[in-house]
All heavy atoms as atom14 arrays in JSON, in Angstrom:
{
  "sequence": "TSYNDAINDFSEAIKLNLKYAESYAARGNVYYCK",
  "atom14_mask": [
    [1, 1, 1, 1, 1, 1, 1, 0, 0, 0, 0, 0, 0, 0],
    [1, 1, 1, 1, 1, 1, 0, 0, 0, 0, 0, 0, 0, 0],
    [1, 1, 1, 1, 1, 1, 1, 1, 1, 1, 1, 1, 0, 0],
    [1, 1, 1, 1, 1, 1, 1, 1, 0, 0, 0, 0, 0, 0],
    [1, 1, 1, 1, 1, 1, 1, 1, 0, 0, 0, 0, 0, 0],
    [1, 1, 1, 1, 1, 0, 0, 0, 0, 0, 0, 0, 0, 0],
    [1, 1, 1, 1, 1, 1, 1, 1, 0, 0, 0, 0, 0, 0],
    [1, 1, 1, 1, 1, 1, 1, 1, 0, 0, 0, 0, 0, 0],
    [1, 1, 1, 1, 1, 1, 1, 1, 0, 0, 0, 0, 0, 0],
    [1, 1, 1, 1, 1, 1, 1, 1, 1, 1, 1, 0, 0, 0],
    [1, 1, 1, 1, 1, 1, 0, 0, 0, 0, 0, 0, 0, 0],
    [1, 1, 1, 1, 1, 1, 1, 1, 1, 0, 0, 0, 0, 0],
    [1, 1, 1, 1, 1, 0, 0, 0, 0, 0, 0, 0, 0, 0],
    [1, 1, 1, 1, 1, 1, 1, 1, 0, 0, 0, 0, 0, 0],
    [1, 1, 1, 1, 1, 1, 1, 1, 1, 0, 0, 0, 0, 0],
    [1, 1, 1, 1, 1, 1, 1, 1, 0, 0, 0, 0, 0, 0],
    [1, 1, 1, 1, 1, 1, 1, 1, 0, 0, 0, 0, 0, 0],
    [1, 1, 1, 1, 1, 1, 1, 1, 0, 0, 0, 0, 0, 0],
    [1, 1, 1, 1, 1, 1, 1, 1, 1, 0, 0, 0, 0, 0],
    [1, 1, 1, 1, 1, 1, 1, 1, 1, 1, 1, 1, 0, 0],
    [1, 1, 1, 1, 1, 0, 0, 0, 0, 0, 0, 0, 0, 0],
    [1, 1, 1, 1, 1, 1, 1, 1, 1, 0, 0, 0, 0, 0],
    [1, 1, 1, 1, 1, 1, 0, 0, 0, 0, 0, 0, 0, 0],
    [1, 1, 1, 1, 1, 1, 1, 1, 1, 1, 1, 1, 0, 0],
    [1, 1, 1, 1, 1, 0, 0, 0, 0, 0, 0, 0, 0, 0],
    [1, 1, 1, 1, 1, 0, 0, 0, 0, 0, 0, 0, 0, 0],
    [1, 1, 1, 1, 1, 1, 1, 1, 1, 1, 1, 0, 0, 0],
    [1, 1, 1, 1, 0, 0, 0, 0, 0, 0, 0, 0, 0, 0],
    [1, 1, 1, 1, 1, 1, 1, 1, 0, 0, 0, 0, 0, 0],
    [1, 1, 1, 1, 1, 1, 1, 0, 0, 0, 0, 0, 0, 0],
    [1, 1, 1, 1, 1, 1, 1, 1, 1, 1, 1, 1, 0, 0],
    [1, 1, 1, 1, 1, 1, 1, 1, 1, 1, 1, 1, 0, 0],
    [1, 1, 1, 1, 1, 1, 0, 0, 0, 0, 0, 0, 0, 0],
    [1, 1, 1, 1, 1, 1, 1, 1, 1, 0, 0, 0, 0, 0]
  ],
  "atom14_positions": [
    [[-23.37, -8.67, -26.75], [-23.1, -9.96, -26.12], [-23.51, -10.0, -24.65], [-22.94, -10.76, -23.86], [-21.62, -10.39, -26.27], [-20.78, -9.51, -25.51], [-21.19, -10.4, -27.73], [0.0, 0.0, 0.0], [0.0, 0.0, 0.0], [0.0, 0.0, 0.0], [0.0, 0.0, 0.0], [0.0, 0.0, 0.0], [0.0, 0.0, 0.0], [0.0, 0.0, 0.0]],
    [[-24.5, -9.22, -24.27], [-25.09, -9.33, -22.93], [-26.2, -10.38, -23.01], [-27.39, -10.06, -23.02], [-25.64, -7.97, -22.48], [-24.61, -7.01, -22.39], [0.0, 0.0, 0.0], [0.0, 0.0, 0.0], [0.0, 0.0, 0.0], [0.0, 0.0, 0.0], [0.0, 0.0, 0.0], [0.0, 0.0, 0.0], [0.0, 0.0, 0.0], [0.0, 0.0, 0.0]],
    [[-25.78, -11.64, -23.09], [-26.7, -12.7, -23.46], [-27.8, -12.96, -22.43], [-28.94, -13.24, -22.8], [-25.92, -13.98, -23.75], [-25.02, -13.87, -24.96], [-23.74, -14.42, -24.96], [-25.44, -13.2, -26.1], [-22.92, -14.32, -26.07], [-24.62, -13.09, -27.22], [-23.37, -13.65, -27.2], [-22.55, -13.53, -28.3], [0.0, 0.0, 0.0], [0.0, 0.0, 0.0]],
    [[-27.48, -12.91, -21.16], [-28.51, -13.15, -20.16], [-29.59, -12.09, -20.21], [-30.79, -12.39, -20.09], [-27.89, -13.22, -18.77], [-27.05, -14.47, -18.55], [-27.27, -15.49, -19.2], [-26.09, -14.4, -17.65], [0.0, 0.0, 0.0], [0.0, 0.0, 0.0], [0.0, 0.0, 0.0], [0.0, 0.0, 0.0], [0.0, 0.0, 0.0], [0.0, 0.0, 0.0]],
    [[-29.18, -10.84, -20.39], [-30.16, -9.76, -20.52], [-31.0, -9.95, -21.77], [-32.22, -9.69, -21.76], [-29.44, -8.4, -20.57], [-28.82, -8.02, -19.24], [-29.39, -8.37, -18.19], [-27.74, -7.38, -19.24], [0.0, 0.0, 0.0], [0.0, 0.0, 0.0], [0.0, 0.0, 0.0], [0.0, 0.0, 0.0], [0.0, 0.0, 0.0], [0.0, 0.0, 0.0]],
    [[-30.37, -10.39, -22.85], [-31.1, -10.62, -24.1], [-32.15, -11.72, -23.9], [-33.3, -11.58, -24.32], [-30.14, -10.99, -25.22], [0.0, 0.0, 0.0], [0.0, 0.0, 0.0], [0.0, 0.0, 0.0], [0.0, 0.0, 0.0], [0.0, 0.0, 0.0], [0.0, 0.0, 0.0], [0.0, 0.0, 0.0], [0.0, 0.0, 0.0], [0.0, 0.0, 0.0]],
    [[-31.75, -12.8, -23.27], [-32.69, -13.91, -23.02], [-33.87, -13.43, -22.18], [-35.03, -13.75, -22.46], [-31.97, -15.08, -22.32], [-31.04, -15.79, -23.32], [-32.98, -16.07, -21.73], [-30.14, -16.83, -22.69], [0.0, 0.0, 0.0], [0.0, 0.0, 0.0], [0.0, 0.0, 0.0], [0.0, 0.0, 0.0], [0.0, 0.0, 0.0], [0.0, 0.0, 0.0]],
    [[-33.59, -12.63, -21.16], [-34.66, -12.11, -20.31], [-35.64, -11.28, -21.12], [-36.87, -11.38, -20.94], [-34.08, -11.28, -19.17], [-33.36, -12.12, -18.13], [-33.63, -13.32, -18.0], [-32.46, -11.51, -17.39], [0.0, 0.0, 0.0], [0.0, 0.0, 0.0], [0.0, 0.0, 0.0], [0.0, 0.0, 0.0], [0.0, 0.0, 0.0], [0.0, 0.0, 0.0]],
    [[-35.12, -10.44, -22.02], [-36.01, -9.58, -22.81], [-36.82, -10.39, -23.83], [-38.01, -10.13, -24.02], [-35.2, -8.49, -23.51], [-35.03, -7.26, -22.64], [-35.5, -7.28, -21.47], [-34.45, -6.26, -23.11], [0.0, 0.0, 0.0], [0.0, 0.0, 0.0], [0.0, 0.0, 0.0], [0.0, 0.0, 0.0], [0.0, 0.0, 0.0], [0.0, 0.0, 0.0]],
    [[-36.19, -11.33, -24.5], [-36.93, -12.15, -25.45], [-38.0, -12.97, -24.72], [-39.11, -13.16, -25.24], [-35.99, -13.06, -26.23], [-35.06, -12.33, -27.15], [-33.71, -12.66, -27.22], [-35.52, -11.3, -27.96], [-32.85, -11.99, -28.06], [-34.66, -10.61, -28.81], [-33.33, -10.95, -28.86], [0.0, 0.0, 0.0], [0.0, 0.0, 0.0], [0.0, 0.0, 0.0]],
    [[-37.66, -13.44, -23.53], [-38.64, -14.2, -22.74], [-39.82, -13.33, -22.34], [-40.98, -13.77, -22.36], [-37.97, -14.79, -21.5], [-36.95, -15.71, -21.84], [0.0, 0.0, 0.0], [0.0, 0.0, 0.0], [0.0, 0.0, 0.0], [0.0, 0.0, 0.0], [0.0, 0.0, 0.0], [0.0, 0.0, 0.0], [0.0, 0.0, 0.0], [0.0, 0.0, 0.0]],
    [[-39.52, -12.09, -21.99], [-40.6, -11.16, -21.62], [-41.48, -10.86, -22.82], [-42.72, -10.79, -22.7], [-40.0, -9.86, -21.08], [-41.01, -8.95, -20.41], [-41.65, -9.55, -19.18], [-40.97, -10.33, -18.47], [-42.84, -9.26, -18.92], [0.0, 0.0, 0.0], [0.0, 0.0, 0.0], [0.0, 0.0, 0.0], [0.0, 0.0, 0.0], [0.0, 0.0, 0.0]],
    [[-40.86, -10.71, -23.99], [-41.64, -10.47, -25.21], [-42.56, -11.65, -25.5], [-43.71, -11.47, -25.91], [-40.7, -10.23, -26.39], [0.0, 0.0, 0.0], [0.0, 0.0, 0.0], [0.0, 0.0, 0.0], [0.0, 0.0, 0.0], [0.0, 0.0, 0.0], [0.0, 0.0, 0.0], [0.0, 0.0, 0.0], [0.0, 0.0, 0.0], [0.0, 0.0, 0.0]],
    [[-42.07, -12.86, -25.26], [-42.87, -14.06, -25.5], [-44.03, -14.14, -24.51], [-45.14, -14.54, -24.86], [-41.98, -15.32, -25.41], [-41.02, -15.37, -26.61], [-42.83, -16.59, -25.34], [-39.91, -16.38, -26.47], [0.0, 0.0, 0.0], [0.0, 0.0, 0.0], [0.0, 0.0, 0.0], [0.0, 0.0, 0.0], [0.0, 0.0, 0.0], [0.0, 0.0, 0.0]],
    [[-43.79, -13.75, -23.26], [-44.87, -13.72, -22.27], [-46.0, -12.79, -22.72], [-47.18, -13.06, -22.5], [-44.34, -13.27, -20.91], [-43.45, -14.28, -20.2], [-42.96, -13.71, -18.89], [-41.99, -14.66, -18.2], [-41.46, -14.08, -16.93], [0.0, 0.0, 0.0], [0.0, 0.0, 0.0], [0.0, 0.0, 0.0], [0.0, 0.0, 0.0], [0.0, 0.0, 0.0]],
    [[-45.6, -11.68, -23.32], [-46.58, -10.69, -23.76], [-47.27, -11.1, -25.06], [-48.4, -10.68, -25.33], [-45.9, -9.33, -23.94], [-45.37, -8.68, -22.66], [-44.47, -7.52, -23.0], [-46.53, -8.23, -21.78], [0.0, 0.0, 0.0], [0.0, 0.0, 0.0], [0.0, 0.0, 0.0], [0.0, 0.0, 0.0], [0.0, 0.0, 0.0], [0.0, 0.0, 0.0]],
    [[-46.57, -11.9, -25.86], [-47.12, -12.37, -27.14], [-46.68, -13.81, -27.34], [-45.58, -14.08, -27.82], [-46.63, -11.49, -28.29], [-47.16, -11.93, -29.63], [-47.9, -12.91, -29.74], [-46.77, -11.24, -30.7], [0.0, 0.0, 0.0], [0.0, 0.0, 0.0], [0.0, 0.0, 0.0], [0.0, 0.0, 0.0], [0.0, 0.0, 0.0], [0.0, 0.0, 0.0]],
    [[-47.55, -14.74, -26.97], [-47.19, -16.15, -26.98], [-46.94, -16.7, -28.38], [-46.38, -17.79, -28.53], [-48.3, -16.97, -26.31], [-48.55, -16.67, -24.82], [-49.72, -17.51, -24.31], [-47.29, -16.95, -24.0], [0.0, 0.0, 0.0], [0.0, 0.0, 0.0], [0.0, 0.0, 0.0], [0.0, 0.0, 0.0], [0.0, 0.0, 0.0], [0.0, 0.0, 0.0]],
    [[-47.32, -15.95, -29.41], [-47.12, -16.4, -30.79], [-45.99, -15.64, -31.47], [-45.93, -15.57, -32.7], [-48.42, -16.26, -31.57], [-49.53, -17.15, -31.06], [-50.78, -17.05, -31.92], [-51.87, -17.99, -31.42], [-53.1, -17.91, -32.27], [0.0, 0.0, 0.0], [0.0, 0.0, 0.0], [0.0, 0.0, 0.0], [0.0, 0.0, 0.0], [0.0, 0.0, 0.0]],
    [[-45.08, -15.1, -30.7], [-44.0, -14.25, -31.21], [-42.87, -15.14, -31.75], [-41.85, -15.36, -31.09], [-43.5, -13.35, -30.1], [-42.88, -12.06, -30.54], [-42.85, -10.97, -29.67], [-42.34, -11.89, -31.81], [-42.28, -9.77, -30.05], [-41.77, -10.71, -32.19], [-41.75, -9.64, -31.31], [-41.18, -8.45, -31.68], [0.0, 0.0, 0.0], [0.0, 0.0, 0.0]],
    [[-43.03, -15.61, -32.96], [-42.06, -16.55, -33.54], [-40.65, -15.97, -33.62], [-39.67, -16.66, -33.33], [-42.53, -16.97, -34.94], [0.0, 0.0, 0.0], [0.0, 0.0, 0.0], [0.0, 0.0, 0.0], [0.0, 0.0, 0.0], [0.0, 0.0, 0.0], [0.0, 0.0, 0.0], [0.0, 0.0, 0.0], [0.0, 0.0, 0.0], [0.0, 0.0, 0.0]],
    [[-40.56, -14.71, -34.02], [-39.23, -14.09, -34.16], [-38.49, -14.01, -32.83], [-37.27, -14.12, -32.78], [-39.37, -12.69, -34.78], [-39.82, -12.68, -36.23], [-41.32, -12.81, -36.39], [-42.04, -12.85, -35.35], [-41.8, -12.88, -37.54], [0.0, 0.0, 0.0], [0.0, 0.0, 0.0], [0.0, 0.0, 0.0], [0.0, 0.0, 0.0], [0.0, 0.0, 0.0]],
    [[-39.24, -13.82, -31.75], [-38.59, -13.75, -30.45], [-38.08, -15.12, -30.0], [-37.02, -15.23, -29.39], [-39.57, -13.17, -29.4], [-38.86, -12.62, -28.31], [0.0, 0.0, 0.0], [0.0, 0.0, 0.0], [0.0, 0.0, 0.0], [0.0, 0.0, 0.0], [0.0, 0.0, 0.0], [0.0, 0.0, 0.0], [0.0, 0.0, 0.0], [0.0, 0.0, 0.0]],
    [[-38.83, -16.17, -30.32], [-38.32, -17.52, -30.05], [-37.03, -17.76, -30.85], [-36.05, -18.31, -30.32], [-39.36, -18.56, -30.44], [-40.37, -18.87, -29.37], [-41.69, -18.43, -29.49], [-40.03, -19.62, -28.25], [-42.64, -18.72, -28.5], [-40.97, -19.92, -27.27], [-42.27, -19.46, -27.4], [-43.19, -19.75, -26.43], [0.0, 0.0, 0.0], [0.0, 0.0, 0.0]],
    [[-37.05, -17.38, -32.13], [-35.87, -17.59, -32.97], [-34.68, -16.81, -32.44], [-33.55, -17.32, -32.4], [-36.18, -17.19, -34.41], [0.0, 0.0, 0.0], [0.0, 0.0, 0.0], [0.0, 0.0, 0.0], [0.0, 0.0, 0.0], [0.0, 0.0, 0.0], [0.0, 0.0, 0.0], [0.0, 0.0, 0.0], [0.0, 0.0, 0.0], [0.0, 0.0, 0.0]],
    [[-34.92, -15.57, -32.03], [-33.84, -14.73, -31.51], [-33.29, -15.29, -30.21], [-32.07, -15.32, -30.0], [-34.34, -13.3, -31.3], [0.0, 0.0, 0.0], [0.0, 0.0, 0.0], [0.0, 0.0, 0.0], [0.0, 0.0, 0.0], [0.0, 0.0, 0.0], [0.0, 0.0, 0.0], [0.0, 0.0, 0.0], [0.0, 0.0, 0.0], [0.0, 0.0, 0.0]],
    [[-34.18, -15.76, -29.34], [-33.71, -16.36, -28.09], [-32.92, -17.63, -28.36], [-31.92, -17.92, -27.69], [-34.89, -16.65, -27.16], [-34.47, -16.98, -25.73], [-35.66, -17.12, -24.8], [-36.47, -18.3, -25.13], [-37.55, -18.67, -24.44], [-37.95, -17.94, -23.4], [-38.23, -19.75, -24.78], [0.0, 0.0, 0.0], [0.0, 0.0, 0.0], [0.0, 0.0, 0.0]],
    [[-33.34, -18.37, -29.4], [-32.58, -19.55, -29.8], [-31.16, -19.18, -30.21], [-30.2, -19.89, -29.89], [0.0, 0.0, 0.0], [0.0, 0.0, 0.0], [0.0, 0.0, 0.0], [0.0, 0.0, 0.0], [0.0, 0.0, 0.0], [0.0, 0.0, 0.0], [0.0, 0.0, 0.0], [0.0, 0.0, 0.0], [0.0, 0.0, 0.0], [0.0, 0.0, 0.0]],
    [[-31.01, -18.06, -30.92], [-29.68, -17.61, -31.32], [-28.81, -17.34, -30.11], [-27.62, -17.68, -30.07], [-29.78, -16.33, -32.15], [-30.43, -16.54, -33.5], [-30.65, -17.67, -33.92], [-30.74, -15.45, -34.18], [0.0, 0.0, 0.0], [0.0, 0.0, 0.0], [0.0, 0.0, 0.0], [0.0, 0.0, 0.0], [0.0, 0.0, 0.0], [0.0, 0.0, 0.0]],
    [[-29.4, -16.72, -29.09], [-28.63, -16.38, -27.9], [-28.25, -17.65, -27.14], [-27.11, -17.77, -26.66], [-29.42, -15.42, -26.98], [-28.59, -15.05, -25.76], [-29.81, -14.16, -27.73], [0.0, 0.0, 0.0], [0.0, 0.0, 0.0], [0.0, 0.0, 0.0], [0.0, 0.0, 0.0], [0.0, 0.0, 0.0], [0.0, 0.0, 0.0], [0.0, 0.0, 0.0]],
    [[-29.19, -18.57, -27.03], [-28.85, -19.83, -26.36], [-27.69, -20.52, -27.09], [-26.8, -21.1, -26.45], [-30.07, -20.76, -26.33], [-31.02, -20.5, -25.18], [-32.38, -20.36, -25.4], [-30.55, -20.4, -23.87], [-33.26, -20.12, -24.35], [-31.41, -20.16, -22.82], [-32.76, -20.03, -23.06], [-33.62, -19.79, -22.01], [0.0, 0.0, 0.0], [0.0, 0.0, 0.0]],
    [[-27.72, -20.46, -28.42], [-26.62, -21.06, -29.17], [-25.3, -20.38, -28.84], [-24.28, -21.04, -28.61], [-26.88, -20.97, -30.67], [-25.73, -21.52, -31.49], [-25.66, -22.88, -31.79], [-24.7, -20.7, -31.94], [-24.6, -23.41, -32.51], [-23.63, -21.21, -32.65], [-23.58, -22.56, -32.94], [-22.51, -23.07, -33.63], [0.0, 0.0, 0.0], [0.0, 0.0, 0.0]],
    [[-25.32, -19.06, -28.81], [-24.11, -18.31, -28.5], [-23.58, -18.64, -27.11], [-22.38, -18.56, -26.86], [-24.37, -16.81, -28.62], [-24.66, -16.22, -30.3], [0.0, 0.0, 0.0], [0.0, 0.0, 0.0], [0.0, 0.0, 0.0], [0.0, 0.0, 0.0], [0.0, 0.0, 0.0], [0.0, 0.0, 0.0], [0.0, 0.0, 0.0], [0.0, 0.0, 0.0]],
    [[-24.48, -19.03, -26.2], [-24.08, -19.41, -24.85], [-23.69, -20.89, -24.76], [-23.27, -21.36, -23.71], [-25.23, -19.14, -23.87], [-25.42, -17.68, -23.53], [-26.67, -17.47, -22.7], [-26.64, -18.2, -21.37], [-25.62, -17.65, -20.42], [0.0, 0.0, 0.0], [0.0, 0.0, 0.0], [0.0, 0.0, 0.0], [0.0, 0.0, 0.0], [0.0, 0.0, 0.0]]
  ]
}
C-alpha cells in the first residue's frame, strides 16, 4: 500500500515503454485505491 511509490514506478515504466498496457492498468488500480 505504498501507493505514491507504486504510481511513480508504473509511470516510469510507461515512460520507458509507451505501449505498456499492463502498467497503465496497474496504475489505474492504484489510483482507484487512492
